[in-house]
PDB file of N, CA and C in Angstrom:
ATOM      1  N   MET A   1      17.169  26.474  42.205  1.00  0.00           N
ATOM      2  CA  MET A   1      16.426  25.466  41.501  1.00  0.00           C
ATOM      3  C   MET A   1      16.761  25.555  40.021  1.00  0.00           C
ATOM      4  N   ARG A   2      16.625  24.477  39.336  1.00  0.00           N
ATOM      5  CA  ARG A   2      16.943  24.466  37.907  1.00  0.00           C
ATOM      6  C   ARG A   2      15.858  25.176  37.110  1.00  0.00           C
ATOM      7  N   ILE A   3      16.271  25.869  36.069  1.00  0.00           N
ATOM      8  CA  ILE A   3      15.348  26.544  35.161  1.00  0.00           C
ATOM      9  C   ILE A   3      15.338  25.757  33.860  1.00  0.00           C
ATOM     10  N   VAL A   4      14.178  25.680  33.253  1.00  0.00           N
ATOM     11  CA  VAL A   4      14.021  24.932  32.009  1.00  0.00           C
ATOM     12  C   VAL A   4      15.049  25.398  30.982  1.00  0.00           C
ATOM     13  N   ASN A   5      15.558  24.470  30.220  1.00  0.00           N
ATOM     14  CA  ASN A   5      16.555  24.776  29.198  1.00  0.00           C
ATOM     15  C   ASN A   5      15.981  25.778  28.192  1.00  0.00           C
ATOM     16  N   ASN A   6      16.691  26.867  27.989  1.00  0.00           N
ATOM     17  CA  ASN A   6      16.248  27.897  27.050  1.00  0.00           C
ATOM     18  C   ASN A   6      17.335  28.185  26.022  1.00  0.00           C
ATOM     19  N   ILE A   7      17.997  27.149  25.579  1.00  0.00           N
ATOM     20  CA  ILE A   7      19.119  27.298  24.649  1.00  0.00           C
ATOM     21  C   ILE A   7      18.692  27.852  23.291  1.00  0.00           C
ATOM     22  N   ASP A   8      17.413  27.711  22.947  1.00  0.00           N
ATOM     23  CA  ASP A   8      16.932  28.202  21.655  1.00  0.00           C
ATOM     24  C   ASP A   8      16.680  29.712  21.644  1.00  0.00           C
ATOM     25  N   TYR A   9      16.718  30.344  22.817  1.00  0.00           N
ATOM     26  CA  TYR A   9      16.478  31.787  22.880  1.00  0.00           C
ATOM     27  C   TYR A   9      17.667  32.539  22.298  1.00  0.00           C
ATOM     28  N   PRO A  10      17.428  33.727  21.734  1.00  0.00           N
ATOM     29  CA  PRO A  10      18.563  34.559  21.317  1.00  0.00           C
ATOM     30  C   PRO A  10      19.423  34.893  22.534  1.00  0.00           C
ATOM     31  N   THR A  11      20.667  35.198  22.322  1.00  0.00           N
ATOM     32  CA  THR A  11      21.608  35.457  23.416  1.00  0.00           C
ATOM     33  C   THR A  11      21.109  36.513  24.386  1.00  0.00           C
ATOM     34  N   PHE A  12      20.493  37.582  23.899  1.00  0.00           N
ATOM     35  CA  PHE A  12      20.057  38.659  24.792  1.00  0.00           C
ATOM     36  C   PHE A  12      18.811  38.296  25.591  1.00  0.00           C
ATOM     37  N   ALA A  13      18.125  37.220  25.259  1.00  0.00           N
ATOM     38  CA  ALA A  13      16.931  36.809  26.003  1.00  0.00           C
ATOM     39  C   ALA A  13      17.166  35.551  26.823  1.00  0.00           C
ATOM     40  N   ALA A  14      18.328  34.937  26.689  1.00  0.00           N
ATOM     41  CA  ALA A  14      18.610  33.686  27.397  1.00  0.00           C
ATOM     42  C   ALA A  14      18.659  33.929  28.902  1.00  0.00           C
ATOM     43  N   LEU A  15      18.181  32.971  29.651  1.00  0.00           N
ATOM     44  CA  LEU A  15      18.165  33.042  31.108  1.00  0.00           C
ATOM     45  C   LEU A  15      19.236  32.122  31.668  1.00  0.00           C
ATOM     46  N   PRO A  16      19.658  32.352  32.902  1.00  0.00           N
ATOM     47  CA  PRO A  16      20.612  31.428  33.515  1.00  0.00           C
ATOM     48  C   PRO A  16      19.957  30.050  33.686  1.00  0.00           C
ATOM     49  N   THR A  17      20.743  29.038  33.946  1.00  0.00           N
ATOM     50  CA  THR A  17      20.201  27.685  34.067  1.00  0.00           C
ATOM     51  C   THR A  17      19.701  27.360  35.469  1.00  0.00           C
ATOM     52  N   THR A  18      20.040  28.212  36.452  1.00  0.00           N
ATOM     53  CA  THR A  18      19.517  28.028  37.815  1.00  0.00           C
ATOM     54  C   THR A  18      19.072  29.377  38.372  1.00  0.00           C
ATOM     55  N   SER A  19      18.113  29.316  39.283  1.00  0.00           N
ATOM     56  CA  SER A  19      17.652  30.546  39.927  1.00  0.00           C
ATOM     57  C   SER A  19      18.545  30.847  41.131  1.00  0.00           C
ATOM     58  N   PRO A  20      18.641  32.114  41.535  1.00  0.00           N
ATOM     59  CA  PRO A  20      19.434  32.431  42.720  1.00  0.00           C
ATOM     60  C   PRO A  20      18.712  31.976  43.992  1.00  0.00           C
ATOM     61  N   SER A  21      19.463  31.793  45.058  1.00  0.00           N
ATOM     62  CA  SER A  21      18.863  31.461  46.356  1.00  0.00           C
ATOM     63  C   SER A  21      18.296  32.730  46.977  1.00  0.00           C
ATOM     64  N   TYR A  22      17.218  32.578  47.730  1.00  0.00           N
ATOM     65  CA  TYR A  22      16.634  33.732  48.403  1.00  0.00           C
ATOM     66  C   TYR A  22      15.852  33.275  49.624  1.00  0.00           C
ATOM     67  N   TYR A  23      15.629  34.195  50.550  1.00  0.00           N
ATOM     68  CA  TYR A  23      14.825  33.933  51.737  1.00  0.00           C
ATOM     69  C   TYR A  23      13.479  34.602  51.559  1.00  0.00           C
ATOM     70  N   LEU A  24      12.435  33.931  51.975  1.00  0.00           N
ATOM     71  CA  LEU A  24      11.089  34.493  51.943  1.00  0.00           C
ATOM     72  C   LEU A  24      10.556  34.451  53.370  1.00  0.00           C
ATOM     73  N   MET A  25      10.375  35.627  53.981  1.00  0.00           N
ATOM     74  CA  MET A  25       9.962  35.691  55.372  1.00  0.00           C
ATOM     75  C   MET A  25       8.719  36.563  55.505  1.00  0.00           C
ATOM     76  N   ASN A  26       7.765  36.097  56.312  1.00  0.00           N
ATOM     77  CA  ASN A  26       6.531  36.822  56.592  1.00  0.00           C
ATOM     78  C   ASN A  26       6.382  36.945  58.107  1.00  0.00           C
ATOM     79  N   ALA A  27       5.641  37.947  58.569  1.00  0.00           N
ATOM     80  CA  ALA A  27       5.390  38.114  60.003  1.00  0.00           C
ATOM     81  C   ALA A  27       4.015  38.736  60.209  1.00  0.00           C
ATOM     82  N   GLN A  28       3.374  38.379  61.326  1.00  0.00           N
ATOM     83  CA  GLN A  28       2.076  38.960  61.658  1.00  0.00           C
ATOM     84  C   GLN A  28       1.962  39.084  63.165  1.00  0.00           C
ATOM     85  N   LEU A  29       1.406  40.199  63.626  1.00  0.00           N
ATOM     86  CA  LEU A  29       1.120  40.433  65.041  1.00  0.00           C
ATOM     87  C   LEU A  29      -0.381  40.567  65.197  1.00  0.00           C
ATOM     88  N   SER A  30      -0.919  39.941  66.260  1.00  0.00           N
ATOM     89  CA  SER A  30      -2.355  40.025  66.533  1.00  0.00           C
ATOM     90  C   SER A  30      -2.565  40.388  67.987  1.00  0.00           C
ATOM     91  N   LYS A  31      -3.627  41.117  68.267  1.00  0.00           N
ATOM     92  CA  LYS A  31      -3.993  41.484  69.638  1.00  0.00           C
ATOM     93  C   LYS A  31      -5.486  41.257  69.792  1.00  0.00           C
ATOM     94  N   THR A  32      -5.876  40.509  70.826  1.00  0.00           N
ATOM     95  CA  THR A  32      -7.288  40.224  71.105  1.00  0.00           C
ATOM     96  C   THR A  32      -7.771  41.120  72.237  1.00  0.00           C
ATOM     97  N   PHE A  33      -8.922  41.746  72.025  1.00  0.00           N
ATOM     98  CA  PHE A  33      -9.556  42.589  73.028  1.00  0.00           C
ATOM     99  C   PHE A  33     -10.859  41.951  73.479  1.00  0.00           C
ATOM    100  N   ASP A  34     -11.242  42.149  74.724  1.00  0.00           N
ATOM    101  CA  ASP A  34     -12.533  41.728  75.272  1.00  0.00           C
ATOM    102  C   ASP A  34     -12.778  40.237  75.063  1.00  0.00           C
ATOM    103  N   LYS A  35     -12.498  39.463  76.092  1.00  0.00           N
ATOM    104  CA  LYS A  35     -12.605  38.005  76.002  1.00  0.00           C
ATOM    105  C   LYS A  35     -14.049  37.527  75.789  1.00  0.00           C
ATOM    106  N   GLN A  36     -15.074  38.286  76.244  1.00  0.00           N
ATOM    107  CA  GLN A  36     -16.467  37.855  76.073  1.00  0.00           C
ATOM    108  C   GLN A  36     -16.959  38.048  74.645  1.00  0.00           C
ATOM    109  N   HIS A  37     -16.558  39.112  73.998  1.00  0.00           N
ATOM    110  CA  HIS A  37     -16.919  39.382  72.604  1.00  0.00           C
ATOM    111  C   HIS A  37     -15.615  39.603  71.836  1.00  0.00           C
ATOM    112  N   PRO A  38     -14.960  38.505  71.489  1.00  0.00           N
ATOM    113  CA  PRO A  38     -13.614  38.631  70.922  1.00  0.00           C
ATOM    114  C   PRO A  38     -13.546  39.493  69.663  1.00  0.00           C
ATOM    115  N   MET A  39     -12.612  40.422  69.709  1.00  0.00           N
ATOM    116  CA  MET A  39     -12.287  41.231  68.546  1.00  0.00           C
ATOM    117  C   MET A  39     -10.766  41.290  68.463  1.00  0.00           C
ATOM    118  N   ASP A  40     -10.226  41.031  67.301  1.00  0.00           N
ATOM    119  CA  ASP A  40      -8.785  41.060  67.095  1.00  0.00           C
ATOM    120  C   ASP A  40      -8.438  42.177  66.127  1.00  0.00           C
ATOM    121  N   ILE A  41      -7.279  42.760  66.344  1.00  0.00           N
ATOM    122  CA  ILE A  41      -6.683  43.613  65.322  1.00  0.00           C
ATOM    123  C   ILE A  41      -5.357  42.946  64.949  1.00  0.00           C
ATOM    124  N   TYR A  42      -4.955  43.101  63.725  1.00  0.00           N
ATOM    125  CA  TYR A  42      -3.725  42.463  63.290  1.00  0.00           C
ATOM    126  C   TYR A  42      -3.022  43.326  62.254  1.00  0.00           C
ATOM    127  N   ALA A  43      -1.742  43.132  62.163  1.00  0.00           N
ATOM    128  CA  ALA A  43      -0.916  43.810  61.159  1.00  0.00           C
ATOM    129  C   ALA A  43       0.211  42.862  60.795  1.00  0.00           C
ATOM    130  N   GLY A  44       0.635  42.949  59.565  1.00  0.00           N
ATOM    131  CA  GLY A  44       1.691  42.045  59.143  1.00  0.00           C
ATOM    132  C   GLY A  44       2.407  42.544  57.911  1.00  0.00           C
ATOM    133  N   VAL A  45       3.400  41.788  57.543  1.00  0.00           N
ATOM    134  CA  VAL A  45       4.183  42.091  56.342  1.00  0.00           C
ATOM    135  C   VAL A  45       4.550  40.766  55.680  1.00  0.00           C
ATOM    136  N   GLU A  46       4.461  40.732  54.367  1.00  0.00           N
ATOM    137  CA  GLU A  46       4.868  39.570  53.595  1.00  0.00           C
ATOM    138  C   GLU A  46       6.078  39.946  52.746  1.00  0.00           C
ATOM    139  N   ASN A  47       6.948  38.993  52.522  1.00  0.00           N
ATOM    140  CA  ASN A  47       8.167  39.204  51.746  1.00  0.00           C
ATOM    141  C   ASN A  47       9.002  40.332  52.363  1.00  0.00           C
ATOM    142  N   ILE A  48       9.356  40.156  53.622  1.00  0.00           N
ATOM    143  CA  ILE A  48      10.053  41.175  54.411  1.00  0.00           C
ATOM    144  C   ILE A  48      11.315  41.695  53.717  1.00  0.00           C
ATOM    145  N   PHE A  49      12.072  40.829  53.080  1.00  0.00           N
ATOM    146  CA  PHE A  49      13.332  41.240  52.457  1.00  0.00           C
ATOM    147  C   PHE A  49      13.143  41.846  51.075  1.00  0.00           C
ATOM    148  N   ASN A  50      11.893  41.956  50.623  1.00  0.00           N
ATOM    149  CA  ASN A  50      11.543  42.626  49.360  1.00  0.00           C
ATOM    150  C   ASN A  50      12.239  42.010  48.150  1.00  0.00           C
ATOM    151  N   PHE A  51      12.385  40.685  48.159  1.00  0.00           N
ATOM    152  CA  PHE A  51      12.986  40.010  47.005  1.00  0.00           C
ATOM    153  C   PHE A  51      11.890  39.665  46.013  1.00  0.00           C
ATOM    154  N   PHE A  52      12.093  39.979  44.764  1.00  0.00           N
ATOM    155  CA  PHE A  52      11.158  39.543  43.727  1.00  0.00           C
ATOM    156  C   PHE A  52      11.896  39.372  42.416  1.00  0.00           C
ATOM    157  N   GLN A  53      11.310  38.561  41.577  1.00  0.00           N
ATOM    158  CA  GLN A  53      11.894  38.264  40.273  1.00  0.00           C
ATOM    159  C   GLN A  53      11.500  39.356  39.293  1.00  0.00           C
ATOM    160  N   ALA A  54      12.485  39.980  38.702  1.00  0.00           N
ATOM    161  CA  ALA A  54      12.223  40.981  37.664  1.00  0.00           C
ATOM    162  C   ALA A  54      12.079  40.264  36.325  1.00  0.00           C
ATOM    163  N   ASN A  55      11.380  40.869  35.408  1.00  0.00           N
ATOM    164  CA  ASN A  55      11.220  40.316  34.056  1.00  0.00           C
ATOM    165  C   ASN A  55      10.729  38.870  34.086  1.00  0.00           C
ATOM    166  N   THR A  56       9.566  38.656  34.655  1.00  0.00           N
ATOM    167  CA  THR A  56       9.032  37.301  34.791  1.00  0.00           C
ATOM    168  C   THR A  56       8.576  36.700  33.474  1.00  0.00           C
ATOM    169  N   ILE A  57       8.196  37.524  32.512  1.00  0.00           N
ATOM    170  CA  ILE A  57       7.737  37.020  31.223  1.00  0.00           C
ATOM    171  C   ILE A  57       8.754  37.397  30.153  1.00  0.00           C
ATOM    172  N   VAL A  58       9.299  36.395  29.501  1.00  0.00           N
ATOM    173  CA  VAL A  58      10.273  36.622  28.443  1.00  0.00           C
ATOM    174  C   VAL A  58       9.533  37.154  27.214  1.00  0.00           C
ATOM    175  N   TYR A  59      10.035  38.241  26.660  1.00  0.00           N
ATOM    176  CA  TYR A  59       9.425  38.899  25.492  1.00  0.00           C
ATOM    177  C   TYR A  59       7.974  39.320  25.779  1.00  0.00           C
ATOM    178  N   ALA A  60       7.737  39.895  26.943  1.00  0.00           N
ATOM    179  CA  ALA A  60       6.391  40.329  27.319  1.00  0.00           C
ATOM    180  C   ALA A  60       5.840  41.378  26.359  1.00  0.00           C
ATOM    181  N   ASP A  61       6.721  42.155  25.754  1.00  0.00           N
ATOM    182  CA  ASP A  61       6.276  43.198  24.825  1.00  0.00           C
ATOM    183  C   ASP A  61       5.989  42.661  23.424  1.00  0.00           C
ATOM    184  N   GLN A  62       6.275  41.376  23.203  1.00  0.00           N
ATOM    185  CA  GLN A  62       6.026  40.764  21.891  1.00  0.00           C
ATOM    186  C   GLN A  62       5.287  39.428  22.088  1.00  0.00           C
ATOM    187  N   PRO A  63       3.985  39.471  22.403  1.00  0.00           N
ATOM    188  CA  PRO A  63       3.272  38.237  22.752  1.00  0.00           C
ATOM    189  C   PRO A  63       3.130  37.225  21.615  1.00  0.00           C
ATOM    190  N   PHE A  64       3.367  37.626  20.382  1.00  0.00           N
ATOM    191  CA  PHE A  64       3.254  36.680  19.272  1.00  0.00           C
ATOM    192  C   PHE A  64       4.616  36.189  18.776  1.00  0.00           C
ATOM    193  N   SER A  65       5.662  36.549  19.504  1.00  0.00           N
ATOM    194  CA  SER A  65       7.006  36.099  19.168  1.00  0.00           C
ATOM    195  C   SER A  65       7.146  34.618  19.522  1.00  0.00           C
ATOM    196  N   PRO A  66       7.947  33.859  18.794  1.00  0.00           N
ATOM    197  CA  PRO A  66       8.160  32.458  19.161  1.00  0.00           C
ATOM    198  C   PRO A  66       8.929  32.316  20.477  1.00  0.00           C
ATOM    199  N   TYR A  67       9.525  33.408  20.963  1.00  0.00           N
ATOM    200  CA  TYR A  67      10.287  33.363  22.211  1.00  0.00           C
ATOM    201  C   TYR A  67       9.474  33.832  23.419  1.00  0.00           C
ATOM    202  N   PHE A  68       8.232  34.251  23.218  1.00  0.00           N
ATOM    203  CA  PHE A  68       7.372  34.663  24.332  1.00  0.00           C
ATOM    204  C   PHE A  68       7.210  33.462  25.260  1.00  0.00           C
ATOM    205  N   ASP A  69       7.454  33.678  26.558  1.00  0.00           N
ATOM    206  CA  ASP A  69       7.373  32.568  27.513  1.00  0.00           C
ATOM    207  C   ASP A  69       6.992  33.100  28.888  1.00  0.00           C
ATOM    208  N   ALA A  70       5.860  32.656  29.387  1.00  0.00           N
ATOM    209  CA  ALA A  70       5.402  33.069  30.712  1.00  0.00           C
ATOM    210  C   ALA A  70       5.603  31.963  31.742  1.00  0.00           C
ATOM    211  N   SER A  71       6.356  30.943  31.404  1.00  0.00           N
ATOM    212  CA  SER A  71       6.526  29.810  32.323  1.00  0.00           C
ATOM    213  C   SER A  71       7.845  29.847  33.097  1.00  0.00           C
ATOM    214  N   MET A  72       8.583  30.922  33.003  1.00  0.00           N
ATOM    215  CA  MET A  72       9.891  30.993  33.652  1.00  0.00           C
ATOM    216  C   MET A  72       9.842  31.672  35.017  1.00  0.00           C
ATOM    217  N   ILE A  73       8.732  31.569  35.702  1.00  0.00           N
ATOM    218  CA  ILE A  73       8.606  32.199  37.023  1.00  0.00           C
ATOM    219  C   ILE A  73       9.132  31.229  38.071  1.00  0.00           C
ATOM    220  N   TRP A  74      10.145  31.634  38.830  1.00  0.00           N
ATOM    221  CA  TRP A  74      10.765  30.791  39.829  1.00  0.00           C
ATOM    222  C   TRP A  74      10.769  31.431  41.220  1.00  0.00           C
ATOM    223  N   GLY A  75      10.272  32.664  41.339  1.00  0.00           N
ATOM    224  CA  GLY A  75      10.300  33.341  42.633  1.00  0.00           C
ATOM    225  C   GLY A  75       9.113  34.268  42.794  1.00  0.00           C
ATOM    226  N   PRO A  76       9.085  35.022  43.892  1.00  0.00           N
ATOM    227  CA  PRO A  76       7.995  35.964  44.107  1.00  0.00           C
ATOM    228  C   PRO A  76       7.900  36.978  42.965  1.00  0.00           C
ATOM    229  N   THR A  77       6.689  37.352  42.613  1.00  0.00           N
ATOM    230  CA  THR A  77       6.501  38.316  41.522  1.00  0.00           C
ATOM    231  C   THR A  77       6.138  39.700  42.039  1.00  0.00           C
ATOM    232  N   THR A  78       5.914  39.828  43.326  1.00  0.00           N
ATOM    233  CA  THR A  78       5.636  41.140  43.924  1.00  0.00           C
ATOM    234  C   THR A  78       6.600  41.356  45.079  1.00  0.00           C
ATOM    235  N   GLY A  79       6.831  42.588  45.405  1.00  0.00           N
ATOM    236  CA  GLY A  79       7.745  42.922  46.496  1.00  0.00           C
ATOM    237  C   GLY A  79       7.065  42.861  47.851  1.00  0.00           C
ATOM    238  N   ARG A  80       7.612  43.595  48.795  1.00  0.00           N
ATOM    239  CA  ARG A  80       7.110  43.637  50.168  1.00  0.00           C
ATOM    240  C   ARG A  80       5.670  44.138  50.193  1.00  0.00           C
ATOM    241  N   MET A  81       4.834  43.528  51.053  1.00  0.00           N
ATOM    242  CA  MET A  81       3.439  43.941  51.167  1.00  0.00           C
ATOM    243  C   MET A  81       3.058  44.031  52.641  1.00  0.00           C
ATOM    244  N   PHE A  82       2.536  45.186  53.039  1.00  0.00           N
ATOM    245  CA  PHE A  82       2.046  45.394  54.395  1.00  0.00           C
ATOM    246  C   PHE A  82       0.531  45.263  54.403  1.00  0.00           C
ATOM    247  N   TYR A  83      -0.012  44.797  55.511  1.00  0.00           N
ATOM    248  CA  TYR A  83      -1.464  44.707  55.637  1.00  0.00           C
ATOM    249  C   TYR A  83      -1.867  44.882  57.094  1.00  0.00           C
ATOM    250  N   MET A  84      -3.106  45.247  57.283  1.00  0.00           N
ATOM    251  CA  MET A  84      -3.670  45.346  58.632  1.00  0.00           C
ATOM    252  C   MET A  84      -5.174  45.153  58.537  1.00  0.00           C
ATOM    253  N   GLY A  85      -5.790  44.774  59.641  1.00  0.00           N
ATOM    254  CA  GLY A  85      -7.223  44.571  59.619  1.00  0.00           C
ATOM    255  C   GLY A  85      -7.754  44.236  61.004  1.00  0.00           C
ATOM    256  N   TRP A  86      -9.030  43.904  61.048  1.00  0.00           N
ATOM    257  CA  TRP A  86      -9.654  43.510  62.300  1.00  0.00           C
ATOM    258  C   TRP A  86     -10.611  42.362  62.059  1.00  0.00           C
ATOM    259  N   ARG A  87     -10.781  41.530  63.089  1.00  0.00           N
ATOM    260  CA  ARG A  87     -11.660  40.367  63.032  1.00  0.00           C
ATOM    261  C   ARG A  87     -12.621  40.434  64.199  1.00  0.00           C
ATOM    262  N   ILE A  88     -13.842  40.092  63.952  1.00  0.00           N
ATOM    263  CA  ILE A  88     -14.858  39.989  65.010  1.00  0.00           C
ATOM    264  C   ILE A  88     -15.431  38.585  64.938  1.00  0.00           C
ATOM    265  N   LYS A  89     -15.472  37.905  66.069  1.00  0.00           N
ATOM    266  CA  LYS A  89     -16.048  36.564  66.123  1.00  0.00           C
ATOM    267  C   LYS A  89     -17.506  36.670  66.534  1.00  0.00           C
ATOM    268  N   ILE A  90     -18.381  36.119  65.711  1.00  0.00           N
ATOM    269  CA  ILE A  90     -19.820  36.158  65.984  1.00  0.00           C
ATOM    270  C   ILE A  90     -20.229  34.776  66.452  1.00  0.00           C
ATOM    271  N   LYS A  91     -20.902  34.731  67.580  1.00  0.00           N
ATOM    272  CA  LYS A  91     -21.339  33.425  68.126  1.00  0.00           C
ATOM    273  C   LYS A  91     -22.730  33.099  67.645  1.00  0.00           C
TER     274      LYS A  91
END
């Protein structure tokens, strides 16, 4: 995808004009126990390939700089995340 023009940034802070391509894949498994009083357990993972954008905020260490920019986020900001839990249905 195209990234906003940042030609005014100093050379060392300039970003490319397009973001790289990436895959974002999630998965979840669920198991239901006892059909009369349903209870589920589940486990899953988000961002399976662990792709994330590094340095999401330009000049993050200098928030009053004219080059500070938090609008250049084009991809996931966190890596792989695992989760698990249980659900109980109350009638």
